[in-house]
Protein backbone atom coordinates (compact mmCIF):
# COMPACT_ATOMS: atom_id res chain seq x y z
CA UNK A 1 137.30 118.62 52.17
CA UNK A 2 138.58 115.52 50.37
CA UNK A 3 139.32 112.40 52.37
CA UNK A 4 141.27 110.82 49.51
CA UNK A 5 144.80 109.91 50.52
CA UNK A 6 147.43 110.43 47.85
CA UNK A 7 149.37 107.33 46.90
CA UNK A 8 153.04 107.46 47.81
CA UNK A 9 155.80 106.45 45.41
CA UNK A 10 159.42 105.82 46.33
CA UNK A 11 162.68 106.03 44.45
CA UNK A 12 165.22 103.22 44.48
CA UNK A 13 167.73 105.02 46.74
CA UNK A 14 168.49 103.78 50.24
CA UNK A 15 166.79 105.28 52.14
CA UNK A 16 164.19 106.04 49.46
CA UNK A 17 162.72 109.46 48.79
CA UNK A 18 158.90 109.49 48.91
CA UNK A 19 156.64 111.37 46.49
CA UNK A 20 152.99 111.91 45.61
CA UNK A 21 151.34 113.15 42.44
CA UNK A 22 149.75 116.55 43.06
CA UNK A 23 148.74 117.43 39.51
CA UNK A 24 148.32 115.82 36.08
CA UNK A 25 147.76 117.60 32.77
CA UNK A 26 147.44 115.97 29.38
CA UNK A 27 149.60 117.86 26.89
CA UNK A 28 150.66 117.22 23.33
CA UNK A 29 152.48 113.87 23.12
CA UNK A 30 152.10 112.96 26.78
CA UNK A 31 151.20 113.89 30.33
CA UNK A 32 152.82 116.49 32.57
CA UNK A 33 152.87 115.16 36.14
CA UNK A 34 153.74 117.29 39.17
CA UNK A 35 155.40 115.39 42.03
CA UNK A 36 155.75 116.63 45.61
CA UNK A 37 158.22 115.13 48.04
CA UNK A 38 156.51 113.74 51.16
CA UNK A 39 159.38 112.97 53.51
CA UNK A 40 161.09 116.40 53.54
CA UNK A 41 160.32 119.89 52.28
CA UNK A 42 161.43 120.16 48.65
CA UNK A 43 160.11 122.14 45.68
CA UNK A 44 157.51 120.32 43.58
CA UNK A 45 158.82 119.16 40.21
CA UNK A 46 157.12 118.59 36.86
CA UNK A 47 157.93 115.39 34.97
CA UNK A 48 156.94 114.81 31.37
CA UNK A 49 155.78 111.29 30.53
CA UNK A 50 155.53 110.66 26.80
CA UNK A 51 152.68 108.86 25.09
CA UNK A 52 155.26 106.32 23.93
CA UNK A 53 156.24 105.55 27.55
CA UNK A 54 152.56 105.07 28.42
CA UNK A 55 152.03 102.67 25.50
CA UNK A 56 154.89 100.38 26.49
CA UNK A 57 153.80 97.05 27.90
CA UNK A 58 154.99 97.70 31.45
CA UNK A 59 152.78 98.55 34.43
CA UNK A 60 155.10 101.34 35.61
CA UNK A 61 156.86 104.28 34.01
CA UNK A 62 160.33 104.86 35.43
CA UNK A 63 161.62 108.41 35.79
CA UNK A 64 164.86 109.63 37.31
CA UNK A 65 164.51 110.70 40.94
CA UNK A 66 165.01 114.47 40.80
CA UNK A 67 166.21 114.60 44.42
CA UNK A 68 168.96 112.08 43.62
CA UNK A 69 169.85 113.86 40.37
CA UNK A 70 170.13 117.17 42.25
CA UNK A 71 172.62 115.41 44.56
CA UNK A 72 174.60 113.97 41.64
CA UNK A 73 173.23 110.39 41.85
CA UNK A 74 171.72 109.58 38.47
CA UNK A 75 171.06 105.85 38.78
CA UNK A 76 167.97 106.03 41.04
CA UNK A 77 164.44 106.06 39.64
CA UNK A 78 160.83 106.56 40.71
CA UNK A 79 158.36 103.90 39.54
CA UNK A 80 155.08 105.58 38.66
CA UNK A 81 152.14 103.23 37.99
CA UNK A 82 150.49 104.10 34.69
CA UNK A 83 147.00 103.97 36.23
CA UNK A 84 148.05 106.65 38.77
CA UNK A 85 149.60 108.82 36.06
CA UNK A 86 146.43 108.72 33.94
CA UNK A 87 143.91 108.87 36.81
CA UNK A 88 141.18 111.43 36.24
CA UNK A 89 142.44 112.57 32.82
CA UNK A 90 140.25 112.59 29.73
CA UNK A 91 141.29 110.07 27.06
């Protein structure tokens, strides 16, 4: 049994929605990341992060919050640290 605690990420909504990364897979031209909502039951969602996004000079990759988008609010984003996105993946 793993004692590792998954890092939590929040979107910019008030109150924020909380997520954790449950899976990462390197695919052609990027990484497919599966996020699970922590604060309420909600289906897990796959987000594609392109290689170009990972090569940008920022520490975080910003992706639209799928909970907000499902509710019609498109201006909120989840900040995903690049080191968390790439953790455990082969180069």
